[in-house]
Protein backbone atom coordinates (compact mmCIF):
# COMPACT_ATOMS: atom_id res chain seq x y z
CA MET A 1 -158.44 12.45 156.81
CA ARG A 2 -160.08 10.44 159.57
CA GLU A 3 -156.88 10.61 161.62
CA TYR A 4 -156.67 14.37 161.12
CA GLU A 5 -160.31 14.81 162.02
CA ALA A 6 -159.87 12.74 165.18
CA ARG A 7 -156.96 14.92 166.30
CA ALA A 8 -158.21 18.31 165.10
CA GLU A 9 -159.81 20.51 167.69
CA ARG A 10 -162.32 22.00 165.26
CA GLY A 11 -162.87 19.12 162.87
CA LEU A 12 -162.60 19.27 159.11
CA PRO A 13 -163.85 22.13 156.96
CA ASP A 14 -166.71 21.63 154.58
CA PRO A 15 -165.80 19.08 151.84
CA ASP A 16 -166.57 21.67 149.15
CA VAL A 17 -164.03 24.00 150.72
CA LEU A 18 -161.41 21.24 150.70
CA CYS A 19 -162.13 20.52 147.02
CA TYR A 20 -161.72 24.20 146.19
CA PHE A 21 -158.30 24.38 147.83
CA GLU A 22 -157.25 21.08 146.25
CA ALA A 23 -158.14 22.52 142.84
CA MET A 24 -156.33 25.80 143.56
CA HIS A 25 -153.20 23.90 144.58
CA SER A 26 -153.41 21.94 141.31
CA VAL A 27 -153.64 25.20 139.35
CA ARG A 28 -150.60 26.56 141.17
CA ILE A 29 -148.54 23.46 140.38
CA LEU A 30 -149.57 23.33 136.73
CA LEU A 31 -148.90 27.04 136.20
CA GLU A 32 -145.52 26.91 137.91
CA ILE A 33 -144.38 23.91 135.86
CA GLU A 34 -145.64 25.40 132.59
CA GLN A 35 -143.87 28.70 133.29
CA ARG A 36 -140.65 26.82 133.96
CA ARG A 37 -141.05 24.78 130.78
CA GLN A 38 -141.67 27.85 128.66
CA GLY A 39 -138.74 29.62 130.28
CA GLY A 40 -136.49 26.63 129.70
CA THR A 41 -135.82 26.14 133.40
CA ALA A 42 -137.92 23.03 134.19
CA GLY A 43 -134.82 20.86 133.95
CA ASP A 44 -133.05 22.99 136.56
CA ARG A 45 -135.08 21.19 139.19
CA GLY A 46 -134.99 17.67 137.78
CA GLY A 47 -136.77 15.31 140.13
CA HIS A 48 -138.75 18.10 141.79
CA PRO A 49 -141.95 16.55 143.17
CA TRP A 50 -144.12 18.93 141.16
CA LEU A 51 -142.64 17.54 137.94
CA VAL A 52 -143.67 14.08 139.08
CA VAL A 53 -147.23 14.96 140.16
CA THR A 54 -148.17 17.06 137.12
CA PRO A 55 -150.35 14.33 135.52
CA GLU A 56 -152.19 13.71 138.79
CA GLU A 57 -152.73 17.42 139.35
CA ALA A 58 -154.20 17.72 135.85
CA ARG A 59 -156.62 14.87 136.65
CA THR A 60 -157.56 16.54 139.94
CA LEU A 61 -158.37 19.77 138.16
CA GLU A 62 -160.31 17.91 135.45
CA LYS A 63 -162.38 16.23 138.15
CA TRP A 64 -163.08 19.56 139.79
CA ASN A 65 -164.03 21.57 136.71
CA GLY A 66 -165.22 18.85 134.32
CA ARG A 67 -162.90 19.91 131.48
CA LYS A 68 -159.88 18.26 129.89
CA ILE A 69 -156.60 19.79 131.07
CA SER A 70 -153.70 19.76 128.62
CA TYR A 71 -150.16 19.87 129.94
CA SER A 72 -146.66 19.22 128.65
CA SER A 73 -144.88 16.19 130.01
C-alpha cells in the first residue's frame, strides 16, 4: 500500500472505504463459489484462485462484520 500511495497522484482513499470494498469483494467470491457448488459446477474450474482463497475471504468478511461465516470447502 505504501508503494501504491507513493505512486498514486491522489493518494489512498479513506481506510474505511477500502475495508468496505474488501468486504464486498469477499462477498462476491463467497457467493460465486457457493452458487457453483450448489449447481455442481465448482469442479469445472478446478484450481481457480477463488477456490483457493475461499477460507481467507471468509475470515476477511468475519473481521469486517464480526460474525462467523460458514462456507463449504
